[in-house]
Amino acid sequence: VSGNDLDKRKCLSRIFTECRAVVNG
């Protein structure tokens, strides 16, 4: 919500590599 772009990209990458994203809708 409030981080810088680089940290957001790293966070999203970690979420996807750790299989913590689910498709809905």
PDBML (XML) file of the C-alpha atoms, coordinates in Angstrom:
<?xml version="1.0" encoding="UTF-8" ?>
<PDBx:datablock datablockName="MODEL"
   xmlns:PDBx="http://pdbml.pdb.org/schema/pdbx-v50.xsd"
   xmlns:xsi="http://www.w3.org/2001/XMLSchema-instance"
   xsi:schemaLocation="http://pdbml.pdb.org/schema/pdbx-v50.xsd pdbx-v50.xsd">
   <PDBx:atom_siteCategory>
      <PDBx:atom_site id="1">
         <PDBx:B_iso_or_equiv>0.00</PDBx:B_iso_or_equiv>
         <PDBx:Cartn_x>0.000</PDBx:Cartn_x>
         <PDBx:Cartn_y>0.000</PDBx:Cartn_y>
         <PDBx:Cartn_z>0.000</PDBx:Cartn_z>
         <PDBx:auth_asym_id>A</PDBx:auth_asym_id>
         <PDBx:auth_atom_id>CA</PDBx:auth_atom_id>
         <PDBx:auth_comp_id>VAL</PDBx:auth_comp_id>
         <PDBx:auth_seq_id>1</PDBx:auth_seq_id>
         <PDBx:group_PDB>ATOM</PDBx:group_PDB>
         <PDBx:label_alt_id xsi:nil="true" />
         <PDBx:label_asym_id>A</PDBx:label_asym_id>
         <PDBx:label_atom_id>CA</PDBx:label_atom_id>
         <PDBx:label_comp_id>VAL</PDBx:label_comp_id>
         <PDBx:label_entity_id>1</PDBx:label_entity_id>
         <PDBx:label_seq_id>1</PDBx:label_seq_id>
         <PDBx:occupancy>1.00</PDBx:occupancy>
         <PDBx:pdbx_PDB_model_num>1</PDBx:pdbx_PDB_model_num>
         <PDBx:type_symbol>C</PDBx:type_symbol>
      </PDBx:atom_site>
      <PDBx:atom_site id="2">
         <PDBx:B_iso_or_equiv>0.00</PDBx:B_iso_or_equiv>
         <PDBx:Cartn_x>2.727</PDBx:Cartn_x>
         <PDBx:Cartn_y>2.487</PDBx:Cartn_y>
         <PDBx:Cartn_z>0.862</PDBx:Cartn_z>
         <PDBx:auth_asym_id>A</PDBx:auth_asym_id>
         <PDBx:auth_atom_id>CA</PDBx:auth_atom_id>
         <PDBx:auth_comp_id>SER</PDBx:auth_comp_id>
         <PDBx:auth_seq_id>2</PDBx:auth_seq_id>
         <PDBx:group_PDB>ATOM</PDBx:group_PDB>
         <PDBx:label_alt_id xsi:nil="true" />
         <PDBx:label_asym_id>A</PDBx:label_asym_id>
         <PDBx:label_atom_id>CA</PDBx:label_atom_id>
         <PDBx:label_comp_id>SER</PDBx:label_comp_id>
         <PDBx:label_entity_id>1</PDBx:label_entity_id>
         <PDBx:label_seq_id>2</PDBx:label_seq_id>
         <PDBx:occupancy>1.00</PDBx:occupancy>
         <PDBx:pdbx_PDB_model_num>1</PDBx:pdbx_PDB_model_num>
         <PDBx:type_symbol>C</PDBx:type_symbol>
      </PDBx:atom_site>
      <PDBx:atom_site id="3">
         <PDBx:B_iso_or_equiv>0.00</PDBx:B_iso_or_equiv>
         <PDBx:Cartn_x>6.137</PDBx:Cartn_x>
         <PDBx:Cartn_y>1.080</PDBx:Cartn_y>
         <PDBx:Cartn_z>-0.078</PDBx:Cartn_z>
         <PDBx:auth_asym_id>A</PDBx:auth_asym_id>
         <PDBx:auth_atom_id>CA</PDBx:auth_atom_id>
         <PDBx:auth_comp_id>GLY</PDBx:auth_comp_id>
         <PDBx:auth_seq_id>3</PDBx:auth_seq_id>
         <PDBx:group_PDB>ATOM</PDBx:group_PDB>
         <PDBx:label_alt_id xsi:nil="true" />
         <PDBx:label_asym_id>A</PDBx:label_asym_id>
         <PDBx:label_atom_id>CA</PDBx:label_atom_id>
         <PDBx:label_comp_id>GLY</PDBx:label_comp_id>
         <PDBx:label_entity_id>1</PDBx:label_entity_id>
         <PDBx:label_seq_id>3</PDBx:label_seq_id>
         <PDBx:occupancy>1.00</PDBx:occupancy>
         <PDBx:pdbx_PDB_model_num>1</PDBx:pdbx_PDB_model_num>
         <PDBx:type_symbol>C</PDBx:type_symbol>
      </PDBx:atom_site>
      <PDBx:atom_site id="4">
         <PDBx:B_iso_or_equiv>0.00</PDBx:B_iso_or_equiv>
         <PDBx:Cartn_x>8.430</PDBx:Cartn_x>
         <PDBx:Cartn_y>2.082</PDBx:Cartn_y>
         <PDBx:Cartn_z>-2.920</PDBx:Cartn_z>
         <PDBx:auth_asym_id>A</PDBx:auth_asym_id>
         <PDBx:auth_atom_id>CA</PDBx:auth_atom_id>
         <PDBx:auth_comp_id>ASN</PDBx:auth_comp_id>
         <PDBx:auth_seq_id>4</PDBx:auth_seq_id>
         <PDBx:group_PDB>ATOM</PDBx:group_PDB>
         <PDBx:label_alt_id xsi:nil="true" />
         <PDBx:label_asym_id>A</PDBx:label_asym_id>
         <PDBx:label_atom_id>CA</PDBx:label_atom_id>
         <PDBx:label_comp_id>ASN</PDBx:label_comp_id>
         <PDBx:label_entity_id>1</PDBx:label_entity_id>
         <PDBx:label_seq_id>4</PDBx:label_seq_id>
         <PDBx:occupancy>1.00</PDBx:occupancy>
         <PDBx:pdbx_PDB_model_num>1</PDBx:pdbx_PDB_model_num>
         <PDBx:type_symbol>C</PDBx:type_symbol>
      </PDBx:atom_site>
      <PDBx:atom_site id="5">
         <PDBx:B_iso_or_equiv>0.00</PDBx:B_iso_or_equiv>
         <PDBx:Cartn_x>8.161</PDBx:Cartn_x>
         <PDBx:Cartn_y>0.412</PDBx:Cartn_y>
         <PDBx:Cartn_z>-6.330</PDBx:Cartn_z>
         <PDBx:auth_asym_id>A</PDBx:auth_asym_id>
         <PDBx:auth_atom_id>CA</PDBx:auth_atom_id>
         <PDBx:auth_comp_id>ASP</PDBx:auth_comp_id>
         <PDBx:auth_seq_id>5</PDBx:auth_seq_id>
         <PDBx:group_PDB>ATOM</PDBx:group_PDB>
         <PDBx:label_alt_id xsi:nil="true" />
         <PDBx:label_asym_id>A</PDBx:label_asym_id>
         <PDBx:label_atom_id>CA</PDBx:label_atom_id>
         <PDBx:label_comp_id>ASP</PDBx:label_comp_id>
         <PDBx:label_entity_id>1</PDBx:label_entity_id>
         <PDBx:label_seq_id>5</PDBx:label_seq_id>
         <PDBx:occupancy>1.00</PDBx:occupancy>
         <PDBx:pdbx_PDB_model_num>1</PDBx:pdbx_PDB_model_num>
         <PDBx:type_symbol>C</PDBx:type_symbol>
      </PDBx:atom_site>
      <PDBx:atom_site id="6">
         <PDBx:B_iso_or_equiv>0.00</PDBx:B_iso_or_equiv>
         <PDBx:Cartn_x>11.256</PDBx:Cartn_x>
         <PDBx:Cartn_y>-1.796</PDBx:Cartn_y>
         <PDBx:Cartn_z>-5.961</PDBx:Cartn_z>
         <PDBx:auth_asym_id>A</PDBx:auth_asym_id>
         <PDBx:auth_atom_id>CA</PDBx:auth_atom_id>
         <PDBx:auth_comp_id>LEU</PDBx:auth_comp_id>
         <PDBx:auth_seq_id>6</PDBx:auth_seq_id>
         <PDBx:group_PDB>ATOM</PDBx:group_PDB>
         <PDBx:label_alt_id xsi:nil="true" />
         <PDBx:label_asym_id>A</PDBx:label_asym_id>
         <PDBx:label_atom_id>CA</PDBx:label_atom_id>
         <PDBx:label_comp_id>LEU</PDBx:label_comp_id>
         <PDBx:label_entity_id>1</PDBx:label_entity_id>
         <PDBx:label_seq_id>6</PDBx:label_seq_id>
         <PDBx:occupancy>1.00</PDBx:occupancy>
         <PDBx:pdbx_PDB_model_num>1</PDBx:pdbx_PDB_model_num>
         <PDBx:type_symbol>C</PDBx:type_symbol>
      </PDBx:atom_site>
      <PDBx:atom_site id="7">
         <PDBx:B_iso_or_equiv>0.00</PDBx:B_iso_or_equiv>
         <PDBx:Cartn_x>10.112</PDBx:Cartn_x>
         <PDBx:Cartn_y>-3.173</PDBx:Cartn_y>
         <PDBx:Cartn_z>-2.608</PDBx:Cartn_z>
         <PDBx:auth_asym_id>A</PDBx:auth_asym_id>
         <PDBx:auth_atom_id>CA</PDBx:auth_atom_id>
         <PDBx:auth_comp_id>ASP</PDBx:auth_comp_id>
         <PDBx:auth_seq_id>7</PDBx:auth_seq_id>
         <PDBx:group_PDB>ATOM</PDBx:group_PDB>
         <PDBx:label_alt_id xsi:nil="true" />
         <PDBx:label_asym_id>A</PDBx:label_asym_id>
         <PDBx:label_atom_id>CA</PDBx:label_atom_id>
         <PDBx:label_comp_id>ASP</PDBx:label_comp_id>
         <PDBx:label_entity_id>1</PDBx:label_entity_id>
         <PDBx:label_seq_id>7</PDBx:label_seq_id>
         <PDBx:occupancy>1.00</PDBx:occupancy>
         <PDBx:pdbx_PDB_model_num>1</PDBx:pdbx_PDB_model_num>
         <PDBx:type_symbol>C</PDBx:type_symbol>
      </PDBx:atom_site>
      <PDBx:atom_site id="8">
         <PDBx:B_iso_or_equiv>0.00</PDBx:B_iso_or_equiv>
         <PDBx:Cartn_x>6.605</PDBx:Cartn_x>
         <PDBx:Cartn_y>-3.756</PDBx:Cartn_y>
         <PDBx:Cartn_z>-4.015</PDBx:Cartn_z>
         <PDBx:auth_asym_id>A</PDBx:auth_asym_id>
         <PDBx:auth_atom_id>CA</PDBx:auth_atom_id>
         <PDBx:auth_comp_id>LYS</PDBx:auth_comp_id>
         <PDBx:auth_seq_id>8</PDBx:auth_seq_id>
         <PDBx:group_PDB>ATOM</PDBx:group_PDB>
         <PDBx:label_alt_id xsi:nil="true" />
         <PDBx:label_asym_id>A</PDBx:label_asym_id>
         <PDBx:label_atom_id>CA</PDBx:label_atom_id>
         <PDBx:label_comp_id>LYS</PDBx:label_comp_id>
         <PDBx:label_entity_id>1</PDBx:label_entity_id>
         <PDBx:label_seq_id>8</PDBx:label_seq_id>
         <PDBx:occupancy>1.00</PDBx:occupancy>
         <PDBx:pdbx_PDB_model_num>1</PDBx:pdbx_PDB_model_num>
         <PDBx:type_symbol>C</PDBx:type_symbol>
      </PDBx:atom_site>
      <PDBx:atom_site id="9">
         <PDBx:B_iso_or_equiv>0.00</PDBx:B_iso_or_equiv>
         <PDBx:Cartn_x>8.028</PDBx:Cartn_x>
         <PDBx:Cartn_y>-5.764</PDBx:Cartn_y>
         <PDBx:Cartn_z>-6.929</PDBx:Cartn_z>
         <PDBx:auth_asym_id>A</PDBx:auth_asym_id>
         <PDBx:auth_atom_id>CA</PDBx:auth_atom_id>
         <PDBx:auth_comp_id>ARG</PDBx:auth_comp_id>
         <PDBx:auth_seq_id>9</PDBx:auth_seq_id>
         <PDBx:group_PDB>ATOM</PDBx:group_PDB>
         <PDBx:label_alt_id xsi:nil="true" />
         <PDBx:label_asym_id>A</PDBx:label_asym_id>
         <PDBx:label_atom_id>CA</PDBx:label_atom_id>
         <PDBx:label_comp_id>ARG</PDBx:label_comp_id>
         <PDBx:label_entity_id>1</PDBx:label_entity_id>
         <PDBx:label_seq_id>9</PDBx:label_seq_id>
         <PDBx:occupancy>1.00</PDBx:occupancy>
         <PDBx:pdbx_PDB_model_num>1</PDBx:pdbx_PDB_model_num>
         <PDBx:type_symbol>C</PDBx:type_symbol>
      </PDBx:atom_site>
      <PDBx:atom_site id="10">
         <PDBx:B_iso_or_equiv>0.00</PDBx:B_iso_or_equiv>
         <PDBx:Cartn_x>10.166</PDBx:Cartn_x>
         <PDBx:Cartn_y>-7.852</PDBx:Cartn_y>
         <PDBx:Cartn_z>-4.574</PDBx:Cartn_z>
         <PDBx:auth_asym_id>A</PDBx:auth_asym_id>
         <PDBx:auth_atom_id>CA</PDBx:auth_atom_id>
         <PDBx:auth_comp_id>LYS</PDBx:auth_comp_id>
         <PDBx:auth_seq_id>10</PDBx:auth_seq_id>
         <PDBx:group_PDB>ATOM</PDBx:group_PDB>
         <PDBx:label_alt_id xsi:nil="true" />
         <PDBx:label_asym_id>A</PDBx:label_asym_id>
         <PDBx:label_atom_id>CA</PDBx:label_atom_id>
         <PDBx:label_comp_id>LYS</PDBx:label_comp_id>
         <PDBx:label_entity_id>1</PDBx:label_entity_id>
         <PDBx:label_seq_id>10</PDBx:label_seq_id>
         <PDBx:occupancy>1.00</PDBx:occupancy>
         <PDBx:pdbx_PDB_model_num>1</PDBx:pdbx_PDB_model_num>
         <PDBx:type_symbol>C</PDBx:type_symbol>
      </PDBx:atom_site>
      <PDBx:atom_site id="11">
         <PDBx:B_iso_or_equiv>0.00</PDBx:B_iso_or_equiv>
         <PDBx:Cartn_x>7.176</PDBx:Cartn_x>
         <PDBx:Cartn_y>-8.466</PDBx:Cartn_y>
         <PDBx:Cartn_z>-2.318</PDBx:Cartn_z>
         <PDBx:auth_asym_id>A</PDBx:auth_asym_id>
         <PDBx:auth_atom_id>CA</PDBx:auth_atom_id>
         <PDBx:auth_comp_id>CYS</PDBx:auth_comp_id>
         <PDBx:auth_seq_id>11</PDBx:auth_seq_id>
         <PDBx:group_PDB>ATOM</PDBx:group_PDB>
         <PDBx:label_alt_id xsi:nil="true" />
         <PDBx:label_asym_id>A</PDBx:label_asym_id>
         <PDBx:label_atom_id>CA</PDBx:label_atom_id>
         <PDBx:label_comp_id>CYS</PDBx:label_comp_id>
         <PDBx:label_entity_id>1</PDBx:label_entity_id>
         <PDBx:label_seq_id>11</PDBx:label_seq_id>
         <PDBx:occupancy>1.00</PDBx:occupancy>
         <PDBx:pdbx_PDB_model_num>1</PDBx:pdbx_PDB_model_num>
         <PDBx:type_symbol>C</PDBx:type_symbol>
      </PDBx:atom_site>
      <PDBx:atom_site id="12">
         <PDBx:B_iso_or_equiv>0.00</PDBx:B_iso_or_equiv>
         <PDBx:Cartn_x>4.925</PDBx:Cartn_x>
         <PDBx:Cartn_y>-9.539</PDBx:Cartn_y>
         <PDBx:Cartn_z>-5.204</PDBx:Cartn_z>
         <PDBx:auth_asym_id>A</PDBx:auth_asym_id>
         <PDBx:auth_atom_id>CA</PDBx:auth_atom_id>
         <PDBx:auth_comp_id>LEU</PDBx:auth_comp_id>
         <PDBx:auth_seq_id>12</PDBx:auth_seq_id>
         <PDBx:group_PDB>ATOM</PDBx:group_PDB>
         <PDBx:label_alt_id xsi:nil="true" />
         <PDBx:label_asym_id>A</PDBx:label_asym_id>
         <PDBx:label_atom_id>CA</PDBx:label_atom_id>
         <PDBx:label_comp_id>LEU</PDBx:label_comp_id>
         <PDBx:label_entity_id>1</PDBx:label_entity_id>
         <PDBx:label_seq_id>12</PDBx:label_seq_id>
         <PDBx:occupancy>1.00</PDBx:occupancy>
         <PDBx:pdbx_PDB_model_num>1</PDBx:pdbx_PDB_model_num>
         <PDBx:type_symbol>C</PDBx:type_symbol>
      </PDBx:atom_site>
      <PDBx:atom_site id="13">
         <PDBx:B_iso_or_equiv>0.00</PDBx:B_iso_or_equiv>
         <PDBx:Cartn_x>7.647</PDBx:Cartn_x>
         <PDBx:Cartn_y>-11.797</PDBx:Cartn_y>
         <PDBx:Cartn_z>-6.556</PDBx:Cartn_z>
         <PDBx:auth_asym_id>A</PDBx:auth_asym_id>
         <PDBx:auth_atom_id>CA</PDBx:auth_atom_id>
         <PDBx:auth_comp_id>SER</PDBx:auth_comp_id>
         <PDBx:auth_seq_id>13</PDBx:auth_seq_id>
         <PDBx:group_PDB>ATOM</PDBx:group_PDB>
         <PDBx:label_alt_id xsi:nil="true" />
         <PDBx:label_asym_id>A</PDBx:label_asym_id>
         <PDBx:label_atom_id>CA</PDBx:label_atom_id>
         <PDBx:label_comp_id>SER</PDBx:label_comp_id>
         <PDBx:label_entity_id>1</PDBx:label_entity_id>
         <PDBx:label_seq_id>13</PDBx:label_seq_id>
         <PDBx:occupancy>1.00</PDBx:occupancy>
         <PDBx:pdbx_PDB_model_num>1</PDBx:pdbx_PDB_model_num>
         <PDBx:type_symbol>C</PDBx:type_symbol>
      </PDBx:atom_site>
      <PDBx:atom_site id="14">
         <PDBx:B_iso_or_equiv>0.00</PDBx:B_iso_or_equiv>
         <PDBx:Cartn_x>7.963</PDBx:Cartn_x>
         <PDBx:Cartn_y>-13.468</PDBx:Cartn_y>
         <PDBx:Cartn_z>-3.150</PDBx:Cartn_z>
         <PDBx:auth_asym_id>A</PDBx:auth_asym_id>
         <PDBx:auth_atom_id>CA</PDBx:auth_atom_id>
         <PDBx:auth_comp_id>ARG</PDBx:auth_comp_id>
         <PDBx:auth_seq_id>14</PDBx:auth_seq_id>
         <PDBx:group_PDB>ATOM</PDBx:group_PDB>
         <PDBx:label_alt_id xsi:nil="true" />
         <PDBx:label_asym_id>A</PDBx:label_asym_id>
         <PDBx:label_atom_id>CA</PDBx:label_atom_id>
         <PDBx:label_comp_id>ARG</PDBx:label_comp_id>
         <PDBx:label_entity_id>1</PDBx:label_entity_id>
         <PDBx:label_seq_id>14</PDBx:label_seq_id>
         <PDBx:occupancy>1.00</PDBx:occupancy>
         <PDBx:pdbx_PDB_model_num>1</PDBx:pdbx_PDB_model_num>
         <PDBx:type_symbol>C</PDBx:type_symbol>
      </PDBx:atom_site>
      <PDBx:atom_site id="15">
         <PDBx:B_iso_or_equiv>0.00</PDBx:B_iso_or_equiv>
         <PDBx:Cartn_x>4.167</PDBx:Cartn_x>
         <PDBx:Cartn_y>-13.897</PDBx:Cartn_y>
         <PDBx:Cartn_z>-2.898</PDBx:Cartn_z>
         <PDBx:auth_asym_id>A</PDBx:auth_asym_id>
         <PDBx:auth_atom_id>CA</PDBx:auth_atom_id>
         <PDBx:auth_comp_id>ILE</PDBx:auth_comp_id>
         <PDBx:auth_seq_id>15</PDBx:auth_seq_id>
         <PDBx:group_PDB>ATOM</PDBx:group_PDB>
         <PDBx:label_alt_id xsi:nil="true" />
         <PDBx:label_asym_id>A</PDBx:label_asym_id>
         <PDBx:label_atom_id>CA</PDBx:label_atom_id>
         <PDBx:label_comp_id>ILE</PDBx:label_comp_id>
         <PDBx:label_entity_id>1</PDBx:label_entity_id>
         <PDBx:label_seq_id>15</PDBx:label_seq_id>
         <PDBx:occupancy>1.00</PDBx:occupancy>
         <PDBx:pdbx_PDB_model_num>1</PDBx:pdbx_PDB_model_num>
         <PDBx:type_symbol>C</PDBx:type_symbol>
      </PDBx:atom_site>
      <PDBx:atom_site id="16">
         <PDBx:B_iso_or_equiv>0.00</PDBx:B_iso_or_equiv>
         <PDBx:Cartn_x>4.043</PDBx:Cartn_x>
         <PDBx:Cartn_y>-15.606</PDBx:Cartn_y>
         <PDBx:Cartn_z>-6.301</PDBx:Cartn_z>
         <PDBx:auth_asym_id>A</PDBx:auth_asym_id>
         <PDBx:auth_atom_id>CA</PDBx:auth_atom_id>
         <PDBx:auth_comp_id>PHE</PDBx:auth_comp_id>
         <PDBx:auth_seq_id>16</PDBx:auth_seq_id>
         <PDBx:group_PDB>ATOM</PDBx:group_PDB>
         <PDBx:label_alt_id xsi:nil="true" />
         <PDBx:label_asym_id>A</PDBx:label_asym_id>
         <PDBx:label_atom_id>CA</PDBx:label_atom_id>
         <PDBx:label_comp_id>PHE</PDBx:label_comp_id>
         <PDBx:label_entity_id>1</PDBx:label_entity_id>
         <PDBx:label_seq_id>16</PDBx:label_seq_id>
         <PDBx:occupancy>1.00</PDBx:occupancy>
         <PDBx:pdbx_PDB_model_num>1</PDBx:pdbx_PDB_model_num>
         <PDBx:type_symbol>C</PDBx:type_symbol>
      </PDBx:atom_site>
      <PDBx:atom_site id="17">
         <PDBx:B_iso_or_equiv>0.00</PDBx:B_iso_or_equiv>
         <PDBx:Cartn_x>7.116</PDBx:Cartn_x>
         <PDBx:Cartn_y>-17.811</PDBx:Cartn_y>
         <PDBx:Cartn_z>-5.744</PDBx:Cartn_z>
         <PDBx:auth_asym_id>A</PDBx:auth_asym_id>
         <PDBx:auth_atom_id>CA</PDBx:auth_atom_id>
         <PDBx:auth_comp_id>THR</PDBx:auth_comp_id>
         <PDBx:auth_seq_id>17</PDBx:auth_seq_id>
         <PDBx:group_PDB>ATOM</PDBx:group_PDB>
         <PDBx:label_alt_id xsi:nil="true" />
         <PDBx:label_asym_id>A</PDBx:label_asym_id>
         <PDBx:label_atom_id>CA</PDBx:label_atom_id>
         <PDBx:label_comp_id>THR</PDBx:label_comp_id>
         <PDBx:label_entity_id>1</PDBx:label_entity_id>
         <PDBx:label_seq_id>17</PDBx:label_seq_id>
         <PDBx:occupancy>1.00</PDBx:occupancy>
         <PDBx:pdbx_PDB_model_num>1</PDBx:pdbx_PDB_model_num>
         <PDBx:type_symbol>C</PDBx:type_symbol>
      </PDBx:atom_site>
      <PDBx:atom_site id="18">
         <PDBx:B_iso_or_equiv>0.00</PDBx:B_iso_or_equiv>
         <PDBx:Cartn_x>5.700</PDBx:Cartn_x>
         <PDBx:Cartn_y>-18.875</PDBx:Cartn_y>
         <PDBx:Cartn_z>-2.371</PDBx:Cartn_z>
         <PDBx:auth_asym_id>A</PDBx:auth_asym_id>
         <PDBx:auth_atom_id>CA</PDBx:auth_atom_id>
         <PDBx:auth_comp_id>GLU</PDBx:auth_comp_id>
         <PDBx:auth_seq_id>18</PDBx:auth_seq_id>
         <PDBx:group_PDB>ATOM</PDBx:group_PDB>
         <PDBx:label_alt_id xsi:nil="true" />
         <PDBx:label_asym_id>A</PDBx:label_asym_id>
         <PDBx:label_atom_id>CA</PDBx:label_atom_id>
         <PDBx:label_comp_id>GLU</PDBx:label_comp_id>
         <PDBx:label_entity_id>1</PDBx:label_entity_id>
         <PDBx:label_seq_id>18</PDBx:label_seq_id>
         <PDBx:occupancy>1.00</PDBx:occupancy>
         <PDBx:pdbx_PDB_model_num>1</PDBx:pdbx_PDB_model_num>
         <PDBx:type_symbol>C</PDBx:type_symbol>
      </PDBx:atom_site>
      <PDBx:atom_site id="19">
         <PDBx:B_iso_or_equiv>0.00</PDBx:B_iso_or_equiv>
         <PDBx:Cartn_x>2.378</PDBx:Cartn_x>
         <PDBx:Cartn_y>-19.812</PDBx:Cartn_y>
         <PDBx:Cartn_z>-4.050</PDBx:Cartn_z>
         <PDBx:auth_asym_id>A</PDBx:auth_asym_id>
         <PDBx:auth_atom_id>CA</PDBx:auth_atom_id>
         <PDBx:auth_comp_id>CYS</PDBx:auth_comp_id>
         <PDBx:auth_seq_id>19</PDBx:auth_seq_id>
         <PDBx:group_PDB>ATOM</PDBx:group_PDB>
         <PDBx:label_alt_id xsi:nil="true" />
         <PDBx:label_asym_id>A</PDBx:label_asym_id>
         <PDBx:label_atom_id>CA</PDBx:label_atom_id>
         <PDBx:label_comp_id>CYS</PDBx:label_comp_id>
         <PDBx:label_entity_id>1</PDBx:label_entity_id>
         <PDBx:label_seq_id>19</PDBx:label_seq_id>
         <PDBx:occupancy>1.00</PDBx:occupancy>
         <PDBx:pdbx_PDB_model_num>1</PDBx:pdbx_PDB_model_num>
         <PDBx:type_symbol>C</PDBx:type_symbol>
      </PDBx:atom_site>
      <PDBx:atom_site id="20">
         <PDBx:B_iso_or_equiv>0.00</PDBx:B_iso_or_equiv>
         <PDBx:Cartn_x>0.315</PDBx:Cartn_x>
         <PDBx:Cartn_y>-17.334</PDBx:Cartn_y>
         <PDBx:Cartn_z>-2.032</PDBx:Cartn_z>
         <PDBx:auth_asym_id>A</PDBx:auth_asym_id>
         <PDBx:auth_atom_id>CA</PDBx:auth_atom_id>
         <PDBx:auth_comp_id>ARG</PDBx:auth_comp_id>
         <PDBx:auth_seq_id>20</PDBx:auth_seq_id>
         <PDBx:group_PDB>ATOM</PDBx:group_PDB>
         <PDBx:label_alt_id xsi:nil="true" />
         <PDBx:label_asym_id>A</PDBx:label_asym_id>
         <PDBx:label_atom_id>CA</PDBx:label_atom_id>
         <PDBx:label_comp_id>ARG</PDBx:label_comp_id>
         <PDBx:label_entity_id>1</PDBx:label_entity_id>
         <PDBx:label_seq_id>20</PDBx:label_seq_id>
         <PDBx:occupancy>1.00</PDBx:occupancy>
         <PDBx:pdbx_PDB_model_num>1</PDBx:pdbx_PDB_model_num>
         <PDBx:type_symbol>C</PDBx:type_symbol>
      </PDBx:atom_site>
      <PDBx:atom_site id="21">
         <PDBx:B_iso_or_equiv>0.00</PDBx:B_iso_or_equiv>
         <PDBx:Cartn_x>-1.793</PDBx:Cartn_x>
         <PDBx:Cartn_y>-16.001</PDBx:Cartn_y>
         <PDBx:Cartn_z>-4.940</PDBx:Cartn_z>
         <PDBx:auth_asym_id>A</PDBx:auth_asym_id>
         <PDBx:auth_atom_id>CA</PDBx:auth_atom_id>
         <PDBx:auth_comp_id>ALA</PDBx:auth_comp_id>
         <PDBx:auth_seq_id>21</PDBx:auth_seq_id>
         <PDBx:group_PDB>ATOM</PDBx:group_PDB>
         <PDBx:label_alt_id xsi:nil="true" />
         <PDBx:label_asym_id>A</PDBx:label_asym_id>
         <PDBx:label_atom_id>CA</PDBx:label_atom_id>
         <PDBx:label_comp_id>ALA</PDBx:label_comp_id>
         <PDBx:label_entity_id>1</PDBx:label_entity_id>
         <PDBx:label_seq_id>21</PDBx:label_seq_id>
         <PDBx:occupancy>1.00</PDBx:occupancy>
         <PDBx:pdbx_PDB_model_num>1</PDBx:pdbx_PDB_model_num>
         <PDBx:type_symbol>C</PDBx:type_symbol>
      </PDBx:atom_site>
      <PDBx:atom_site id="22">
         <PDBx:B_iso_or_equiv>0.00</PDBx:B_iso_or_equiv>
         <PDBx:Cartn_x>-5.164</PDBx:Cartn_x>
         <PDBx:Cartn_y>-17.507</PDBx:Cartn_y>
         <PDBx:Cartn_z>-5.870</PDBx:Cartn_z>
         <PDBx:auth_asym_id>A</PDBx:auth_asym_id>
         <PDBx:auth_atom_id>CA</PDBx:auth_atom_id>
         <PDBx:auth_comp_id>VAL</PDBx:auth_comp_id>
         <PDBx:auth_seq_id>22</PDBx:auth_seq_id>
         <PDBx:group_PDB>ATOM</PDBx:group_PDB>
         <PDBx:label_alt_id xsi:nil="true" />
         <PDBx:label_asym_id>A</PDBx:label_asym_id>
         <PDBx:label_atom_id>CA</PDBx:label_atom_id>
         <PDBx:label_comp_id>VAL</PDBx:label_comp_id>
         <PDBx:label_entity_id>1</PDBx:label_entity_id>
         <PDBx:label_seq_id>22</PDBx:label_seq_id>
         <PDBx:occupancy>1.00</PDBx:occupancy>
         <PDBx:pdbx_PDB_model_num>1</PDBx:pdbx_PDB_model_num>
         <PDBx:type_symbol>C</PDBx:type_symbol>
      </PDBx:atom_site>
      <PDBx:atom_site id="23">
         <PDBx:B_iso_or_equiv>0.00</PDBx:B_iso_or_equiv>
         <PDBx:Cartn_x>-7.186</PDBx:Cartn_x>
         <PDBx:Cartn_y>-16.775</PDBx:Cartn_y>
         <PDBx:Cartn_z>-9.001</PDBx:Cartn_z>
         <PDBx:auth_asym_id>A</PDBx:auth_asym_id>
         <PDBx:auth_atom_id>CA</PDBx:auth_atom_id>
         <PDBx:auth_comp_id>VAL</PDBx:auth_comp_id>
         <PDBx:auth_seq_id>23</PDBx:auth_seq_id>
         <PDBx:group_PDB>ATOM</PDBx:group_PDB>
         <PDBx:label_alt_id xsi:nil="true" />
         <PDBx:label_asym_id>A</PDBx:label_asym_id>
         <PDBx:label_atom_id>CA</PDBx:label_atom_id>
         <PDBx:label_comp_id>VAL</PDBx:label_comp_id>
         <PDBx:label_entity_id>1</PDBx:label_entity_id>
         <PDBx:label_seq_id>23</PDBx:label_seq_id>
         <PDBx:occupancy>1.00</PDBx:occupancy>
         <PDBx:pdbx_PDB_model_num>1</PDBx:pdbx_PDB_model_num>
         <PDBx:type_symbol>C</PDBx:type_symbol>
      </PDBx:atom_site>
      <PDBx:atom_site id="24">
         <PDBx:B_iso_or_equiv>0.00</PDBx:B_iso_or_equiv>
         <PDBx:Cartn_x>-10.772</PDBx:Cartn_x>
         <PDBx:Cartn_y>-15.692</PDBx:Cartn_y>
         <PDBx:Cartn_z>-8.371</PDBx:Cartn_z>
         <PDBx:auth_asym_id>A</PDBx:auth_asym_id>
         <PDBx:auth_atom_id>CA</PDBx:auth_atom_id>
         <PDBx:auth_comp_id>ASN</PDBx:auth_comp_id>
         <PDBx:auth_seq_id>24</PDBx:auth_seq_id>
         <PDBx:group_PDB>ATOM</PDBx:group_PDB>
         <PDBx:label_alt_id xsi:nil="true" />
         <PDBx:label_asym_id>A</PDBx:label_asym_id>
         <PDBx:label_atom_id>CA</PDBx:label_atom_id>
         <PDBx:label_comp_id>ASN</PDBx:label_comp_id>
         <PDBx:label_entity_id>1</PDBx:label_entity_id>
         <PDBx:label_seq_id>24</PDBx:label_seq_id>
         <PDBx:occupancy>1.00</PDBx:occupancy>
         <PDBx:pdbx_PDB_model_num>1</PDBx:pdbx_PDB_model_num>
         <PDBx:type_symbol>C</PDBx:type_symbol>
      </PDBx:atom_site>
      <PDBx:atom_site id="25">
         <PDBx:B_iso_or_equiv>0.00</PDBx:B_iso_or_equiv>
         <PDBx:Cartn_x>-13.191</PDBx:Cartn_x>
         <PDBx:Cartn_y>-14.039</PDBx:Cartn_y>
         <PDBx:Cartn_z>-10.723</PDBx:Cartn_z>
         <PDBx:auth_asym_id>A</PDBx:auth_asym_id>
         <PDBx:auth_atom_id>CA</PDBx:auth_atom_id>
         <PDBx:auth_comp_id>GLY</PDBx:auth_comp_id>
         <PDBx:auth_seq_id>25</PDBx:auth_seq_id>
         <PDBx:group_PDB>ATOM</PDBx:group_PDB>
         <PDBx:label_alt_id xsi:nil="true" />
         <PDBx:label_asym_id>A</PDBx:label_asym_id>
         <PDBx:label_atom_id>CA</PDBx:label_atom_id>
         <PDBx:label_comp_id>GLY</PDBx:label_comp_id>
         <PDBx:label_entity_id>1</PDBx:label_entity_id>
         <PDBx:label_seq_id>25</PDBx:label_seq_id>
         <PDBx:occupancy>1.00</PDBx:occupancy>
         <PDBx:pdbx_PDB_model_num>1</PDBx:pdbx_PDB_model_num>
         <PDBx:type_symbol>C</PDBx:type_symbol>
      </PDBx:atom_site>
   </PDBx:atom_siteCategory>
</PDBx:datablock>
